[in-house]
N, C-alpha and C. Protein backbone atom coordinates (compact mmCIF):
# COMPACT_ATOMS: atom_id res chain seq x y z
N UNK A 1 10.74 13.42 5.56
CA UNK A 1 11.95 13.48 4.74
C UNK A 1 11.90 14.17 3.46
N UNK A 2 12.89 14.90 3.01
CA UNK A 2 12.68 15.51 1.72
C UNK A 2 13.28 14.56 0.65
N UNK A 3 13.10 14.70 -0.64
CA UNK A 3 13.44 13.77 -1.63
C UNK A 3 15.01 13.49 -1.60
N UNK A 4 15.79 14.54 -1.38
CA UNK A 4 17.31 14.13 -1.28
C UNK A 4 17.55 13.26 -0.14
N UNK A 5 16.99 13.31 1.14
CA UNK A 5 17.39 12.62 2.12
C UNK A 5 16.79 11.22 2.02
N UNK A 6 15.69 11.10 1.24
CA UNK A 6 15.08 9.77 0.95
C UNK A 6 16.06 8.99 -0.01
N UNK A 7 16.46 9.72 -1.05
CA UNK A 7 17.40 9.03 -1.93
C UNK A 7 18.70 8.65 -1.27
N UNK A 8 19.31 9.49 -0.47
CA UNK A 8 20.45 9.15 0.22
C UNK A 8 20.33 7.92 1.13
N UNK A 9 19.26 7.74 1.76
CA UNK A 9 19.07 6.63 2.76
C UNK A 9 18.95 5.41 1.81
N UNK A 10 18.10 5.30 0.70
CA UNK A 10 17.86 4.32 -0.13
C UNK A 10 19.29 3.86 -0.70
N UNK A 11 20.24 4.83 -1.12
CA UNK A 11 21.42 4.58 -1.56
C UNK A 11 22.23 3.94 -0.60
N UNK A 12 22.12 4.27 0.80
CA UNK A 12 22.81 3.68 1.68
C UNK A 12 22.48 2.26 1.97
N UNK A 13 21.10 2.02 1.87
CA UNK A 13 20.83 0.52 1.87
C UNK A 13 21.44 -0.28 0.83
N UNK A 14 21.47 0.36 -0.39
CA UNK A 14 21.90 -0.28 -1.56
C UNK A 14 23.20 -0.79 -1.36
N UNK A 15 24.11 0.35 -0.96
CA UNK A 15 25.38 0.09 -0.78
C UNK A 15 25.76 -0.94 0.28
N UNK A 16 24.92 -1.10 1.31
CA UNK A 16 25.16 -2.13 2.24
C UNK A 16 24.68 -3.45 1.82
N UNK A 17 24.13 -3.48 0.67
CA UNK A 17 23.72 -4.88 0.05
C UNK A 17 22.26 -5.24 0.67
N UNK A 18 21.54 -4.28 1.06
CA UNK A 18 20.21 -4.64 1.50
C UNK A 18 19.29 -4.94 0.46
N UNK A 19 18.50 -6.05 0.48
CA UNK A 19 17.39 -6.44 -0.45
C UNK A 19 16.19 -5.47 -0.10
N UNK A 20 15.56 -4.77 -0.87
CA UNK A 20 14.63 -3.92 -0.78
C UNK A 20 13.32 -4.19 -1.61
N UNK A 21 12.28 -3.87 -0.99
CA UNK A 21 10.89 -4.09 -1.59
C UNK A 21 10.00 -2.84 -1.27
N UNK A 22 9.05 -2.57 -2.16
CA UNK A 22 8.00 -1.52 -1.83
C UNK A 22 6.60 -2.19 -2.14
N UNK A 23 5.74 -1.99 -1.05
CA UNK A 23 4.31 -2.56 -1.48
C UNK A 23 3.48 -1.38 -2.00
N UNK A 24 2.65 -1.53 -2.93
CA UNK A 24 1.81 -0.37 -3.47
C UNK A 24 0.42 -0.97 -3.54
N UNK A 25 -0.51 0.00 -3.24
CA UNK A 25 -2.10 -0.51 -3.32
C UNK A 25 -2.49 0.20 -4.70
N UNK A 26 -1.62 1.03 -5.26
CA UNK A 26 -1.99 1.79 -6.64
C UNK A 26 -3.35 2.61 -6.42
N UNK A 27 -3.13 3.53 -5.48
CA UNK A 27 -4.21 4.43 -5.31
C UNK A 27 -3.66 5.72 -5.80
N UNK A 28 -4.44 6.82 -5.99
CA UNK A 28 -3.83 8.12 -6.30
C UNK A 28 -2.60 8.52 -5.43
N UNK A 29 -2.70 8.52 -4.12
CA UNK A 29 -1.75 9.02 -3.25
C UNK A 29 -0.50 7.87 -3.27
N UNK A 30 -0.74 6.86 -3.91
CA UNK A 30 0.53 5.91 -3.93
C UNK A 30 1.50 6.08 -4.97
N UNK A 31 0.97 6.86 -6.02
CA UNK A 31 1.97 7.02 -7.18
C UNK A 31 3.24 7.88 -6.92
N UNK A 32 3.03 9.03 -6.18
CA UNK A 32 4.31 9.80 -5.82
C UNK A 32 5.46 9.03 -5.43
N UNK A 33 5.31 8.08 -4.53
CA UNK A 33 6.46 7.34 -3.87
C UNK A 33 6.94 6.42 -4.86
N UNK A 34 6.17 5.92 -5.64
CA UNK A 34 6.47 4.96 -6.85
C UNK A 34 7.38 5.66 -7.79
N UNK A 35 6.87 6.91 -8.13
CA UNK A 35 7.70 7.75 -9.14
C UNK A 35 9.12 8.15 -8.43
N UNK A 36 8.99 8.56 -7.26
CA UNK A 36 10.20 8.91 -6.58
C UNK A 36 11.18 7.76 -6.48
N UNK A 37 10.78 6.53 -6.31
CA UNK A 37 11.61 5.28 -6.25
C UNK A 37 12.20 5.18 -7.58
N UNK A 38 11.53 5.34 -8.62
CA UNK A 38 12.01 5.06 -10.01
C UNK A 38 12.89 5.93 -10.32
N UNK A 39 12.83 7.41 -9.91
CA UNK A 39 13.89 8.35 -10.01
C UNK A 39 15.13 8.05 -9.43
N UNK A 40 15.12 7.34 -8.31
CA UNK A 40 16.31 6.86 -7.68
C UNK A 40 16.94 5.79 -8.27
N UNK A 41 16.25 5.09 -9.19
CA UNK A 41 16.95 4.01 -9.99
C UNK A 41 17.77 2.98 -9.24
N UNK A 42 17.22 2.37 -8.17
CA UNK A 42 17.93 1.55 -7.37
C UNK A 42 17.47 0.09 -7.43
N UNK A 43 16.66 -0.26 -8.38
CA UNK A 43 16.09 -1.49 -8.57
C UNK A 43 15.23 -2.06 -7.53
N UNK A 44 14.45 -1.21 -6.86
CA UNK A 44 13.71 -1.81 -5.60
C UNK A 44 12.59 -2.59 -6.27
N UNK A 45 12.21 -3.74 -5.70
CA UNK A 45 11.08 -4.67 -6.16
C UNK A 45 9.78 -4.06 -5.82
N UNK A 46 8.80 -3.96 -6.70
CA UNK A 46 7.64 -3.35 -6.45
C UNK A 46 6.48 -4.65 -6.34
N UNK A 47 5.91 -4.61 -5.16
CA UNK A 47 5.00 -5.72 -5.00
C UNK A 47 3.49 -5.19 -4.94
N UNK A 48 2.59 -5.97 -5.46
CA UNK A 48 1.12 -5.82 -5.37
C UNK A 48 0.48 -7.04 -4.95
N UNK A 49 -0.36 -6.74 -3.78
CA UNK A 49 -0.98 -7.75 -3.16
C UNK A 49 -2.42 -8.10 -4.00
N UNK A 50 -2.59 -9.10 -4.74
CA UNK A 50 -3.74 -9.32 -5.44
C UNK A 50 -4.56 -10.28 -4.47
N UNK A 51 -5.64 -9.54 -3.85
CA UNK A 51 -6.62 -10.32 -3.01
C UNK A 51 -7.69 -10.84 -3.75
N UNK A 52 -7.88 -10.50 -5.03
CA UNK A 52 -9.10 -11.18 -5.78
C UNK A 52 -10.33 -10.33 -5.57
N UNK A 53 -10.14 -9.24 -4.91
CA UNK A 53 -11.29 -8.37 -4.66
C UNK A 53 -11.18 -6.99 -5.08
N UNK A 54 -10.23 -6.73 -5.80
CA UNK A 54 -9.83 -5.40 -6.20
C UNK A 54 -10.89 -4.67 -7.29
N UNK A 55 -11.07 -3.60 -7.22
CA UNK A 55 -12.02 -2.93 -8.36
C UNK A 55 -11.30 -3.15 -9.69
N UNK A 56 -11.91 -3.41 -10.80
CA UNK A 56 -11.41 -3.58 -11.96
C UNK A 56 -10.55 -2.35 -12.45
N UNK A 57 -11.06 -1.16 -12.08
CA UNK A 57 -10.32 0.15 -12.13
C UNK A 57 -8.93 0.11 -11.54
N UNK A 58 -8.92 -0.49 -10.30
CA UNK A 58 -7.59 -0.45 -9.87
C UNK A 58 -6.55 -1.35 -10.54
N UNK A 59 -6.95 -2.53 -11.12
CA UNK A 59 -6.14 -3.25 -11.90
C UNK A 59 -5.81 -2.53 -13.09
N UNK A 60 -6.72 -1.94 -13.89
CA UNK A 60 -6.43 -1.12 -14.99
C UNK A 60 -5.39 -0.03 -14.66
N UNK A 61 -5.67 0.63 -13.51
CA UNK A 61 -4.79 1.83 -13.30
C UNK A 61 -3.41 1.40 -12.90
N UNK A 62 -3.26 0.15 -12.16
CA UNK A 62 -1.98 -0.43 -11.97
C UNK A 62 -1.11 -0.61 -13.13
N UNK A 63 -1.82 -1.19 -14.19
CA UNK A 63 -1.20 -1.60 -15.50
C UNK A 63 -0.86 -0.13 -16.14
N UNK A 64 -1.63 0.72 -16.08
CA UNK A 64 -1.35 2.04 -16.79
C UNK A 64 -0.09 2.55 -16.18
N UNK A 65 -0.11 2.49 -14.81
CA UNK A 65 1.30 3.22 -14.04
C UNK A 65 2.31 2.45 -14.32
N UNK A 66 2.25 1.19 -14.49
CA UNK A 66 3.48 0.38 -14.81
C UNK A 66 4.03 0.83 -16.17
N UNK A 67 3.16 0.95 -17.14
CA UNK A 67 3.59 1.34 -18.43
C UNK A 67 4.08 2.69 -18.41
N UNK A 68 3.48 3.70 -17.67
CA UNK A 68 4.09 5.02 -17.61
C UNK A 68 5.36 5.13 -16.99
N UNK A 69 5.49 4.49 -15.83
CA UNK A 69 6.70 4.59 -15.08
C UNK A 69 7.93 3.57 -15.72
N UNK A 70 7.57 2.55 -16.54
CA UNK A 70 8.36 1.61 -16.93
C UNK A 70 8.87 0.70 -15.90
N UNK A 71 7.96 0.22 -15.14
CA UNK A 71 8.44 -0.77 -13.96
C UNK A 71 7.72 -2.09 -14.06
N UNK A 72 8.31 -3.12 -13.59
CA UNK A 72 7.78 -4.41 -13.33
C UNK A 72 7.20 -4.60 -12.08
N UNK A 73 5.98 -5.33 -11.92
CA UNK A 73 5.31 -5.44 -10.68
C UNK A 73 5.31 -6.89 -10.42
N UNK A 74 5.70 -7.29 -9.29
CA UNK A 74 5.61 -8.70 -8.88
C UNK A 74 4.12 -8.80 -8.12
N UNK A 75 3.25 -9.78 -8.57
CA UNK A 75 2.07 -9.93 -7.97
C UNK A 75 2.12 -10.93 -6.83
N UNK A 76 1.61 -10.81 -5.60
CA UNK A 76 1.69 -11.52 -4.49
C UNK A 76 0.25 -11.97 -4.15
N UNK A 77 -0.06 -13.21 -4.04
CA UNK A 77 -1.32 -13.59 -3.67
C UNK A 77 -1.38 -14.83 -2.85
N UNK A 78 -2.47 -15.19 -2.13
CA UNK A 78 -2.67 -16.48 -1.28
C UNK A 78 -3.14 -17.48 -2.40
N UNK A 79 -2.19 -18.50 -2.80
CA UNK A 79 -2.43 -19.38 -3.52
C UNK A 79 -3.44 -20.41 -3.12
N UNK A 80 -3.97 -20.39 -1.75
CA UNK A 80 -4.94 -21.34 -1.41
C UNK A 80 -6.28 -20.66 -1.39
N UNK A 81 -6.35 -19.36 -1.89
CA UNK A 81 -7.69 -18.70 -1.87
C UNK A 81 -8.60 -19.40 -2.95
N UNK A 82 -9.78 -19.59 -2.62
CA UNK A 82 -10.68 -20.20 -3.44
C UNK A 82 -11.80 -19.26 -3.92
N UNK A 83 -11.89 -18.08 -3.05
CA UNK A 83 -12.98 -17.02 -3.65
C UNK A 83 -12.38 -16.16 -4.57
N UNK A 84 -13.18 -15.67 -5.48
CA UNK A 84 -12.77 -14.65 -6.47
C UNK A 84 -13.69 -13.43 -6.30
N UNK A 85 -13.38 -12.44 -7.00
CA UNK A 85 -13.86 -11.13 -6.91
C UNK A 85 -15.26 -11.19 -7.40
N UNK A 86 -16.19 -10.55 -6.80
CA UNK A 86 -17.72 -10.37 -6.88
C UNK A 86 -18.49 -11.70 -6.69
N UNK A 87 -17.90 -12.69 -5.98
CA UNK A 87 -18.61 -13.83 -5.59
C UNK A 87 -18.60 -14.28 -4.19
N UNK A 88 -18.56 -13.11 -3.36
CA UNK A 88 -18.66 -13.43 -1.83
C UNK A 88 -20.03 -13.84 -1.48
N UNK A 89 -20.06 -15.05 -0.99
CA UNK A 89 -21.11 -15.51 -0.43
C UNK A 89 -21.26 -15.32 0.96
N UNK A 90 -22.60 -15.19 1.64
CA UNK A 90 -22.71 -14.87 3.06
C UNK A 90 -22.38 -15.99 3.97
N UNK A 91 -22.08 -17.29 3.43
CA UNK A 91 -21.61 -18.35 4.16
C UNK A 91 -20.05 -18.21 4.31
N UNK A 92 -19.40 -17.37 3.48
CA UNK A 92 -18.00 -17.30 3.57
C UNK A 92 -17.41 -16.40 4.74
N UNK A 93 -16.44 -16.98 5.46
CA UNK A 93 -16.00 -16.18 6.64
C UNK A 93 -15.64 -14.87 6.30
N UNK A 94 -15.16 -14.47 4.90
CA UNK A 94 -14.67 -13.16 4.74
C UNK A 94 -15.88 -12.13 4.57
N UNK A 95 -17.03 -12.69 4.49
CA UNK A 95 -18.23 -11.70 4.35
C UNK A 95 -18.49 -11.16 5.58
N UNK A 96 -18.42 -11.86 6.64
CA UNK A 96 -18.82 -11.41 8.06
C UNK A 96 -17.40 -10.84 8.66
N UNK A 97 -16.33 -11.30 8.35
CA UNK A 97 -15.02 -11.06 9.22
C UNK A 97 -14.13 -10.50 8.30
N UNK A 98 -14.15 -9.22 8.14
CA UNK A 98 -13.03 -8.63 7.16
C UNK A 98 -11.65 -8.79 7.71
N UNK A 99 -11.45 -8.90 9.07
CA UNK A 99 -10.12 -9.18 9.71
C UNK A 99 -9.54 -10.40 9.10
N UNK A 100 -10.37 -11.51 9.11
CA UNK A 100 -9.96 -12.77 8.52
C UNK A 100 -9.54 -12.79 7.16
N UNK A 101 -10.41 -11.87 6.23
CA UNK A 101 -10.11 -11.86 4.85
C UNK A 101 -8.87 -11.00 4.75
N UNK A 102 -8.60 -9.92 5.44
CA UNK A 102 -7.51 -9.13 5.15
C UNK A 102 -6.22 -10.16 5.58
N UNK A 103 -6.19 -10.75 6.62
CA UNK A 103 -5.27 -11.66 6.94
C UNK A 103 -4.79 -12.76 5.92
N UNK A 104 -5.87 -13.44 5.45
CA UNK A 104 -5.64 -14.54 4.50
C UNK A 104 -5.20 -13.91 3.20
N UNK A 105 -5.75 -12.82 2.71
CA UNK A 105 -5.26 -12.31 1.35
C UNK A 105 -4.28 -11.10 1.31
N UNK A 106 -3.87 -10.66 2.50
CA UNK A 106 -2.84 -9.46 2.51
C UNK A 106 -1.59 -9.92 3.45
N UNK A 107 -2.01 -10.21 4.63
CA UNK A 107 -0.81 -10.38 5.62
C UNK A 107 -0.30 -11.69 5.47
N UNK A 108 -0.98 -12.74 5.35
CA UNK A 108 -0.31 -14.04 5.36
C UNK A 108 0.68 -14.10 4.03
N UNK A 109 0.09 -13.78 2.92
CA UNK A 109 0.90 -13.93 1.75
C UNK A 109 2.19 -13.10 1.68
N UNK A 110 1.96 -11.98 2.22
CA UNK A 110 3.28 -11.11 2.40
C UNK A 110 4.26 -11.73 3.33
N UNK A 111 3.73 -12.07 4.58
CA UNK A 111 4.57 -12.59 5.73
C UNK A 111 5.27 -13.85 5.11
N UNK A 112 4.78 -14.66 4.19
CA UNK A 112 5.38 -15.83 3.81
C UNK A 112 6.77 -15.55 2.98
N UNK A 113 6.75 -14.29 2.26
CA UNK A 113 7.90 -14.15 1.31
C UNK A 113 8.78 -13.00 1.98
N UNK A 114 8.62 -12.72 3.17
CA UNK A 114 9.42 -11.44 3.79
C UNK A 114 10.83 -11.84 3.97
N UNK A 115 11.12 -13.16 4.18
CA UNK A 115 12.50 -13.39 4.48
C UNK A 115 13.42 -13.48 3.32
N UNK A 116 12.91 -13.08 2.26
CA UNK A 116 13.70 -12.77 0.97
C UNK A 116 14.41 -11.42 1.01
N UNK A 117 13.92 -10.58 1.93
CA UNK A 117 14.16 -9.14 1.93
C UNK A 117 14.76 -8.67 3.29
N UNK A 118 15.39 -7.43 3.27
CA UNK A 118 16.00 -6.78 4.41
C UNK A 118 15.25 -5.52 4.79
N UNK A 119 14.61 -4.75 3.75
CA UNK A 119 13.91 -3.43 4.01
C UNK A 119 12.72 -3.52 3.28
N UNK A 120 11.74 -3.08 3.95
CA UNK A 120 10.38 -2.88 3.40
C UNK A 120 10.03 -1.49 3.35
N UNK A 121 10.08 -0.84 2.18
CA UNK A 121 9.79 0.67 1.88
C UNK A 121 8.19 0.66 1.78
N UNK A 122 7.73 1.45 2.65
CA UNK A 122 6.21 1.75 2.67
C UNK A 122 5.71 3.21 2.65
N UNK A 123 4.65 3.49 2.07
CA UNK A 123 4.26 4.82 1.75
C UNK A 123 3.23 5.32 2.80
N UNK A 124 3.15 4.55 4.06
CA UNK A 124 2.30 5.07 4.91
C UNK A 124 2.58 6.53 5.42
N UNK A 125 1.46 7.16 5.85
CA UNK A 125 1.60 8.52 6.19
C UNK A 125 0.76 8.89 7.56
N UNK A 126 1.28 9.62 8.36
CA UNK A 126 0.62 10.11 9.67
C UNK A 126 -0.77 10.50 9.55
N UNK A 127 -1.02 11.19 8.56
CA UNK A 127 -2.32 11.91 8.23
C UNK A 127 -3.38 11.07 7.94
N UNK A 128 -3.11 9.67 7.73
CA UNK A 128 -4.10 8.80 7.18
C UNK A 128 -4.96 8.20 8.26
N UNK A 129 -4.23 7.74 9.37
CA UNK A 129 -5.04 7.02 10.61
C UNK A 129 -4.32 7.38 11.94
N UNK A 130 -5.23 7.03 12.77
CA UNK A 130 -4.54 7.21 14.22
C UNK A 130 -3.39 6.28 14.55
N UNK A 131 -3.58 5.05 14.08
CA UNK A 131 -2.50 4.11 14.25
C UNK A 131 -1.19 4.75 13.59
N UNK A 132 -1.22 5.25 12.37
CA UNK A 132 -0.15 5.67 11.53
C UNK A 132 0.48 6.93 12.24
N UNK A 133 -0.32 7.68 12.94
CA UNK A 133 0.27 8.91 13.74
C UNK A 133 1.32 8.49 14.73
N UNK A 134 1.31 7.33 15.15
CA UNK A 134 2.33 6.77 16.25
C UNK A 134 3.41 6.14 15.60
N UNK A 135 3.53 5.96 14.24
CA UNK A 135 4.58 5.32 13.45
C UNK A 135 5.80 6.21 13.53
N UNK A 136 6.98 5.42 13.35
CA UNK A 136 8.23 6.12 13.12
C UNK A 136 8.79 5.96 11.78
N UNK A 137 9.82 6.67 11.38
CA UNK A 137 10.34 6.53 10.07
C UNK A 137 11.01 5.16 9.78
N UNK A 138 11.63 4.65 10.94
CA UNK A 138 12.22 3.48 10.87
C UNK A 138 11.69 2.41 12.05
N UNK A 139 11.11 1.34 11.46
CA UNK A 139 10.63 0.41 12.46
C UNK A 139 11.00 -1.08 11.99
N UNK A 140 10.44 -1.95 12.83
CA UNK A 140 10.95 -3.27 12.42
C UNK A 140 9.64 -4.34 12.47
N UNK A 141 9.68 -5.28 11.47
CA UNK A 141 8.87 -6.19 11.53
C UNK A 141 9.06 -7.31 12.60
N UNK A 142 8.07 -8.30 12.94
CA UNK A 142 8.48 -9.38 13.80
C UNK A 142 9.54 -10.31 13.32
N UNK A 143 9.64 -10.36 11.95
CA UNK A 143 10.75 -11.28 11.52
C UNK A 143 12.17 -10.47 11.23
N UNK A 144 12.22 -9.32 11.65
CA UNK A 144 13.37 -8.47 11.57
C UNK A 144 13.68 -7.71 10.44
N UNK A 145 12.69 -7.70 9.47
CA UNK A 145 12.89 -6.81 8.21
C UNK A 145 12.57 -5.41 8.78
N UNK A 146 13.47 -4.58 8.32
CA UNK A 146 13.48 -2.96 8.73
C UNK A 146 12.32 -2.34 7.82
N UNK A 147 11.36 -1.72 8.38
CA UNK A 147 10.33 -0.88 7.72
C UNK A 147 11.00 0.68 7.54
N UNK A 148 11.03 0.99 6.31
CA UNK A 148 11.43 2.48 6.25
C UNK A 148 10.19 3.25 5.41
N UNK A 149 9.77 4.31 6.21
CA UNK A 149 8.61 4.93 5.82
C UNK A 149 8.91 6.52 5.45
N UNK A 150 9.65 6.60 4.21
CA UNK A 150 10.05 7.86 3.87
C UNK A 150 9.26 8.98 3.70
N UNK A 151 7.76 8.80 3.52
CA UNK A 151 6.98 9.90 3.35
C UNK A 151 5.96 9.96 4.57
N UNK A 152 6.33 9.57 5.66
CA UNK A 152 5.54 9.49 6.75
C UNK A 152 5.01 10.84 7.14
N UNK A 153 5.90 11.87 7.15
CA UNK A 153 5.38 13.26 7.52
C UNK A 153 4.89 14.07 6.46
N UNK A 154 4.68 13.54 5.27
CA UNK A 154 4.26 14.30 4.19
C UNK A 154 2.59 14.44 4.37
N UNK A 155 2.25 15.59 4.08
CA UNK A 155 0.78 15.97 4.13
C UNK A 155 -0.03 15.49 2.86
N UNK A 156 -1.30 15.54 2.82
CA UNK A 156 -2.08 15.32 1.67
C UNK A 156 -1.70 16.50 0.65
N UNK A 157 -1.45 17.54 1.12
CA UNK A 157 -1.43 18.70 0.20
C UNK A 157 0.21 18.50 -0.61
N UNK A 158 1.15 17.96 0.37
CA UNK A 158 2.49 17.67 -0.26
C UNK A 158 2.44 16.58 -1.38
N UNK A 159 1.62 15.62 -1.06
CA UNK A 159 1.43 14.33 -2.06
C UNK A 159 0.69 14.89 -3.31
N UNK A 160 -0.19 15.82 -3.12
CA UNK A 160 -0.96 16.35 -4.39
C UNK A 160 0.03 17.24 -5.14
N UNK A 161 0.77 18.01 -4.49
CA UNK A 161 1.68 18.89 -5.03
C UNK A 161 2.65 18.13 -5.97
N UNK A 162 3.22 17.06 -5.24
CA UNK A 162 4.27 16.26 -6.07
C UNK A 162 3.51 15.62 -7.26
N UNK A 163 2.34 15.15 -7.09
CA UNK A 163 1.53 14.65 -8.23
C UNK A 163 1.42 15.39 -9.35
N UNK A 164 1.00 16.63 -9.09
CA UNK A 164 0.71 17.74 -10.18
C UNK A 164 1.97 18.13 -10.77
N UNK A 165 3.15 18.29 -9.93
CA UNK A 165 4.39 18.61 -10.49
C UNK A 165 4.85 17.84 -11.56
N UNK A 166 4.63 16.41 -11.39
CA UNK A 166 5.21 15.52 -12.45
C UNK A 166 3.98 14.92 -13.33
N UNK A 167 2.90 15.62 -13.02
CA UNK A 167 1.69 15.10 -13.95
C UNK A 167 1.40 13.72 -13.88
N UNK A 168 1.36 13.27 -12.76
CA UNK A 168 1.08 11.80 -12.26
C UNK A 168 -0.46 11.59 -12.38
N UNK A 169 -0.92 10.49 -13.01
CA UNK A 169 -2.38 10.32 -13.04
C UNK A 169 -3.13 9.98 -11.74
N UNK A 170 -4.41 10.13 -11.80
CA UNK A 170 -5.10 9.75 -10.50
C UNK A 170 -6.00 8.46 -10.89
N UNK A 171 -6.30 7.95 -9.88
CA UNK A 171 -7.02 6.58 -9.92
C UNK A 171 -8.32 7.06 -10.51
N UNK A 172 -8.97 6.12 -11.46
CA UNK A 172 -10.30 6.47 -12.12
C UNK A 172 -11.44 6.67 -11.09
N UNK A 173 -11.42 6.04 -10.04
CA UNK A 173 -12.50 6.21 -9.10
C UNK A 173 -12.31 7.43 -8.21
N UNK A 174 -11.11 8.16 -8.23
CA UNK A 174 -10.88 9.34 -7.35
C UNK A 174 -12.07 10.33 -7.75
N UNK A 175 -12.31 10.56 -9.02
CA UNK A 175 -13.36 11.57 -9.31
C UNK A 175 -14.75 11.25 -8.76
N UNK A 176 -15.01 10.15 -8.28
CA UNK A 176 -16.24 9.78 -7.81
C UNK A 176 -16.28 9.61 -6.24
N UNK A 177 -15.30 10.17 -5.71
CA UNK A 177 -15.37 10.32 -4.16
C UNK A 177 -14.61 9.16 -3.46
N UNK A 178 -13.95 8.28 -4.22
CA UNK A 178 -13.23 7.25 -3.60
C UNK A 178 -11.73 7.55 -3.31
N UNK A 179 -11.49 8.24 -2.13
CA UNK A 179 -10.19 8.82 -1.89
C UNK A 179 -9.39 7.83 -1.17
N UNK A 180 -9.85 6.77 -0.59
CA UNK A 180 -8.97 5.73 -0.09
C UNK A 180 -9.62 4.43 -0.54
N UNK A 181 -8.80 3.59 -1.35
CA UNK A 181 -9.29 2.50 -2.12
C UNK A 181 -8.74 1.26 -1.79
N UNK A 182 -9.53 0.26 -1.36
CA UNK A 182 -9.16 -1.06 -0.99
C UNK A 182 -9.84 -2.16 -1.86
N UNK A 183 -10.14 -3.14 -1.24
CA UNK A 183 -11.08 -4.08 -1.96
C UNK A 183 -12.36 -3.58 -2.26
N UNK A 184 -12.93 -3.98 -3.29
CA UNK A 184 -14.24 -3.58 -3.68
C UNK A 184 -15.42 -3.76 -2.52
N UNK A 185 -15.56 -4.93 -2.04
CA UNK A 185 -16.58 -5.23 -1.13
C UNK A 185 -16.58 -4.21 0.16
N UNK A 186 -15.43 -3.79 0.58
CA UNK A 186 -15.01 -3.15 1.74
C UNK A 186 -14.76 -1.55 1.50
N UNK A 187 -15.08 -1.04 0.39
CA UNK A 187 -14.72 0.35 0.13
C UNK A 187 -15.84 1.06 -0.59
N UNK A 188 -16.19 2.32 -0.08
CA UNK A 188 -17.27 3.13 -0.55
C UNK A 188 -16.59 4.53 -0.66
N UNK A 189 -17.40 5.40 -1.24
CA UNK A 189 -17.12 6.74 -1.45
C UNK A 189 -16.84 7.31 -0.05
N UNK A 190 -15.79 8.37 0.12
CA UNK A 190 -15.68 8.90 1.46
C UNK A 190 -16.73 9.93 1.75
N UNK A 191 -16.79 10.20 3.02
CA UNK A 191 -17.76 11.06 3.50
C UNK A 191 -17.05 12.17 4.39
N UNK A 192 -17.77 12.91 5.05
CA UNK A 192 -17.17 14.32 5.81
C UNK A 192 -16.12 13.77 6.82
N UNK A 193 -16.11 12.53 7.34
CA UNK A 193 -15.23 12.01 8.21
C UNK A 193 -13.74 12.00 7.67
N UNK A 194 -13.45 11.99 6.35
CA UNK A 194 -12.29 11.87 5.78
C UNK A 194 -12.21 10.66 5.03
N UNK A 195 -10.89 10.50 4.25
CA UNK A 195 -10.85 9.49 3.26
C UNK A 195 -10.90 7.99 3.96
N UNK A 196 -10.31 7.67 4.95
CA UNK A 196 -10.37 6.40 5.44
C UNK A 196 -11.83 6.10 5.91
N UNK A 197 -12.58 7.04 6.13
CA UNK A 197 -14.08 6.62 6.48
C UNK A 197 -14.71 5.81 5.38
N UNK A 198 -14.17 5.66 4.30
CA UNK A 198 -14.70 5.01 3.15
C UNK A 198 -14.43 3.40 3.38
N UNK A 199 -13.48 3.08 4.20
CA UNK A 199 -13.11 1.67 4.40
C UNK A 199 -13.79 0.92 5.53
N UNK A 200 -14.23 -0.31 5.23
CA UNK A 200 -14.89 -1.20 6.14
C UNK A 200 -16.05 -0.56 6.93
N UNK A 201 -16.82 0.13 6.30
CA UNK A 201 -18.02 0.75 6.92
C UNK A 201 -18.89 -0.28 7.51
N UNK A 202 -19.26 0.07 8.78
CA UNK A 202 -19.96 -0.82 9.64
C UNK A 202 -19.16 -1.64 10.52
N UNK A 203 -17.79 -1.42 10.54
CA UNK A 203 -16.90 -2.29 11.28
C UNK A 203 -16.01 -1.34 11.98
N UNK A 204 -15.50 -1.71 13.19
CA UNK A 204 -14.62 -0.92 13.95
C UNK A 204 -13.20 -1.35 13.54
N UNK A 205 -12.86 -0.99 12.31
CA UNK A 205 -11.66 -1.29 11.71
C UNK A 205 -11.16 -0.23 10.79
N UNK A 206 -9.79 0.12 10.78
CA UNK A 206 -9.25 1.09 9.89
C UNK A 206 -7.99 0.54 9.31
N UNK A 207 -7.43 -0.55 9.70
CA UNK A 207 -6.25 -1.06 9.11
C UNK A 207 -6.41 -2.48 8.61
N UNK A 208 -5.78 -2.91 7.49
CA UNK A 208 -5.85 -4.30 7.08
C UNK A 208 -5.11 -5.27 7.73
N UNK A 209 -4.13 -4.71 8.54
CA UNK A 209 -3.12 -5.73 9.23
C UNK A 209 -1.81 -5.61 8.89
N UNK A 210 -1.50 -5.07 7.61
CA UNK A 210 -0.09 -4.98 7.07
C UNK A 210 0.75 -3.91 8.01
N UNK A 211 0.06 -2.97 8.58
CA UNK A 211 0.78 -2.11 9.36
C UNK A 211 0.47 -2.10 10.85
N UNK A 212 -0.04 -3.22 11.32
CA UNK A 212 -0.26 -3.55 12.74
C UNK A 212 0.39 -5.00 12.89
N UNK A 213 -0.10 -5.94 12.36
CA UNK A 213 0.31 -7.33 12.56
C UNK A 213 1.78 -7.52 12.03
N UNK A 214 2.20 -6.89 10.99
CA UNK A 214 3.57 -6.93 10.50
C UNK A 214 4.40 -5.75 11.01
N UNK A 215 4.28 -5.26 12.25
CA UNK A 215 4.96 -4.17 12.72
C UNK A 215 5.22 -4.29 14.37
N UNK A 216 6.48 -3.97 14.65
CA UNK A 216 6.59 -4.10 16.14
C UNK A 216 6.76 -2.69 16.58
N UNK A 217 6.36 -2.47 17.83
CA UNK A 217 6.39 -1.13 18.37
C UNK A 217 7.77 -0.90 18.78
């Protein structure tokens, strides 16, 4: 979808009284969508999933972007989590089972608040993973919330072009080869296999669960 079509769809949702939110991981490629939503000026709530394992640079970048764009960010976390950043012990299930960690610190906290909303705006793109290649612009969560993927067809080049056009900043770790950034224990610089190859190395895993568990085919 182009920018005009995205704005029109969001305005339609607002006219219908839909409660909307967007989740952002605050990576370099996340910022164009946030900027676009701010330009639409529809008061869409911006949620950040605080897992307790983010790079310090990600938290810093999130705060810088919030100031730059003039946005308020709602932090969502698993209030029952007892593990903190940089203290993963080998005895903890999250150390050996990243699916469990992702569920407890990402999927579960978001799932618990989704009944507050009608529309989830997400910046997933087909070029990112095989699973996302099969996604549609409009889909539904198991709880009935509509997922709207406005930039699903955008290429990496289009994202970068938008970012440069509006002089949007890059994540501090981008210059060191971190092209897809998640939690620090599960993220490394990318290799020749592509950006997502940097995530969950050593595991047969490419998604945290937000775009699988919380999505109906």
